[in-house]
N, C-alpha and C. Protein backbone atom coordinates (compact mmCIF):
# COMPACT_ATOMS: atom_id res chain seq x y z
N MET A 1 60.32 57.24 105.84
CA MET A 1 60.87 58.11 104.64
C MET A 1 60.61 57.79 103.28
N ASP A 2 59.46 58.44 102.78
CA ASP A 2 59.24 57.65 101.14
C ASP A 2 60.71 58.08 99.71
N TYR A 3 60.52 57.48 99.11
CA TYR A 3 61.74 57.64 97.68
C TYR A 3 60.96 59.34 97.24
N ARG A 4 59.89 59.58 97.05
CA ARG A 4 59.87 61.39 96.98
C ARG A 4 59.82 61.92 97.47
N GLU A 5 60.06 62.07 99.22
CA GLU A 5 60.75 63.06 99.90
C GLU A 5 62.12 63.16 100.14
N LYS A 6 62.69 61.62 99.84
CA LYS A 6 64.30 61.66 99.85
C LYS A 6 64.80 62.58 98.61
N ALA A 7 64.52 62.62 97.28
CA ALA A 7 64.62 63.31 96.43
C ALA A 7 64.06 64.80 96.80
N VAL A 8 63.03 65.07 97.03
CA VAL A 8 62.84 66.34 97.21
C VAL A 8 64.13 67.33 98.48
N ARG A 9 63.79 66.39 99.63
CA ARG A 9 65.51 66.85 99.98
C ARG A 9 66.36 66.82 99.66
N CYS A 10 67.60 66.11 98.31
CA CYS A 10 68.51 65.33 98.11
C CYS A 10 68.47 66.45 97.75
N VAL A 11 67.78 67.27 96.03
CA VAL A 11 67.82 68.60 95.54
C VAL A 11 68.31 69.86 96.69
N ARG A 12 67.42 70.05 97.25
CA ARG A 12 67.25 70.95 98.34
C ARG A 12 68.24 71.60 98.92
N GLU A 13 69.15 70.37 99.45
CA GLU A 13 69.47 70.53 100.77
C GLU A 13 71.23 70.13 99.87
N THR A 14 71.43 69.55 98.44
CA THR A 14 72.36 69.47 98.17
C THR A 14 72.86 69.97 97.02
N VAL A 15 71.57 69.68 95.40
CA VAL A 15 72.07 69.87 94.18
C VAL A 15 72.06 71.21 94.09
N LEU A 16 70.60 71.63 94.32
CA LEU A 16 70.33 73.66 94.57
C LEU A 16 71.37 74.77 94.89
N PRO A 17 72.27 74.29 96.88
CA PRO A 17 73.08 74.89 96.89
C PRO A 17 74.17 74.68 96.25
N VAL A 18 74.32 73.93 95.59
CA VAL A 18 75.89 73.53 95.06
C VAL A 18 76.06 74.00 93.44
N GLN A 19 74.60 73.41 93.34
CA GLN A 19 74.61 74.51 91.26
C GLN A 19 74.51 76.40 91.65
N ALA A 20 73.52 76.83 92.75
CA ALA A 20 73.89 78.68 92.95
C ALA A 20 75.17 78.35 93.26
N ALA A 21 75.73 78.03 94.50
CA ALA A 21 77.21 78.24 94.76
C ALA A 21 78.17 78.78 93.61
N GLN A 22 77.84 77.86 92.43
CA GLN A 22 78.68 77.35 90.57
C GLN A 22 77.86 78.75 90.07
N PHE A 23 76.64 79.64 90.24
CA PHE A 23 76.17 80.33 89.31
C PHE A 23 76.98 81.56 90.02
N ARG A 24 76.88 81.86 91.41
CA ARG A 24 77.89 82.79 91.82
C ARG A 24 79.18 83.30 91.13
N GLU A 25 80.09 82.35 91.87
CA GLU A 25 81.31 81.67 91.19
C GLU A 25 81.14 82.29 90.06
N CYS A 26 80.40 82.28 88.32
CA CYS A 26 80.46 82.29 87.44
C CYS A 26 79.31 83.57 87.22
N GLY A 27 79.61 84.81 88.01
CA GLY A 27 79.78 86.34 87.66
C GLY A 27 77.97 85.93 87.35
N CYS A 28 77.06 85.18 87.69
CA CYS A 28 75.52 85.29 87.54
C CYS A 28 75.27 84.66 86.21
N ASP A 29 76.61 83.91 85.34
CA ASP A 29 76.24 84.13 84.10
C ASP A 29 75.90 82.02 83.74
N LEU A 30 74.45 82.26 83.30
CA LEU A 30 74.25 80.82 83.07
C LEU A 30 75.39 80.34 82.12
N ASP A 31 75.18 80.76 80.58
CA ASP A 31 76.55 80.43 79.53
C ASP A 31 77.73 79.43 80.34
N ALA A 32 78.61 80.86 81.40
CA ALA A 32 79.66 81.26 82.03
C ALA A 32 79.48 79.37 82.57
N GLN A 33 78.23 78.92 83.33
CA GLN A 33 78.25 78.47 84.65
C GLN A 33 77.98 76.73 83.68
N TYR A 34 77.42 76.46 82.26
CA TYR A 34 76.90 75.77 81.23
C TYR A 34 78.97 75.63 80.91
N ARG A 35 79.95 76.19 80.51
CA ARG A 35 81.31 75.69 80.04
C ARG A 35 81.34 75.94 80.71
N LYS A 36 81.74 75.92 82.45
CA LYS A 36 82.61 75.43 83.15
C LYS A 36 82.19 73.88 83.84
N TYR A 37 80.95 74.14 84.59
CA TYR A 37 80.53 72.90 84.68
C TYR A 37 79.62 71.91 84.00
N GLY A 38 78.97 72.07 82.55
CA GLY A 38 78.09 71.50 81.89
C GLY A 38 78.18 69.78 81.64
N ASP A 39 79.91 69.12 81.63
CA ASP A 39 80.35 67.84 81.64
C ASP A 39 80.81 67.61 82.61
N THR A 40 79.76 67.47 83.61
CA THR A 40 80.68 67.05 85.05
C THR A 40 79.77 65.97 85.57
N GLU A 41 80.45 65.35 86.36
CA GLU A 41 79.28 63.97 86.99
C GLU A 41 77.95 64.97 88.17
N GLY A 42 78.32 66.24 88.70
CA GLY A 42 76.82 65.99 89.38
C GLY A 42 75.97 67.54 88.72
N PHE A 43 76.77 68.42 86.86
CA PHE A 43 75.99 69.19 86.90
C PHE A 43 76.25 68.47 85.32
N PHE A 44 75.32 68.87 84.29
CA PHE A 44 75.29 68.31 82.77
C PHE A 44 74.15 69.64 82.15
N ALA A 45 74.46 69.95 81.34
CA ALA A 45 73.74 71.41 80.34
C ALA A 45 74.01 71.26 78.79
N LYS A 46 73.50 70.82 78.50
CA LYS A 46 72.91 70.52 76.74
C LYS A 46 72.08 71.96 76.17
N VAL A 47 73.25 72.42 75.53
CA VAL A 47 71.92 73.77 74.74
C VAL A 47 71.29 72.79 73.49
N LEU A 48 70.48 72.97 73.58
CA LEU A 48 68.71 72.86 72.90
C LEU A 48 68.59 73.52 71.97
N GLN A 49 68.54 74.76 71.26
CA GLN A 49 68.68 75.45 70.70
C GLN A 49 69.24 76.48 70.47
N PRO A 50 70.54 76.50 69.81
CA PRO A 50 70.71 77.62 69.70
C PRO A 50 70.67 79.04 70.06
N GLY A 51 71.15 80.10 70.80
CA GLY A 51 70.28 81.66 70.89
C GLY A 51 68.93 81.55 71.53
N ARG A 52 68.38 80.49 72.27
CA ARG A 52 66.70 80.63 72.42
C ARG A 52 66.66 80.69 74.27
N LEU A 53 65.75 81.21 74.44
CA LEU A 53 65.70 80.90 75.90
C LEU A 53 65.39 79.58 76.02
């Protein structure tokens, strides 16, 4: 298996399910998710332009 396939599989099977569970736990509110999980080993979030989508 090549590196690209390993990366795709990791994101699909690990990263996305974890982040989706966090999102649901936070009431489907990205701001709440970023406040709670935005500075952890597995999830980093940074506001680049406050107030912008």
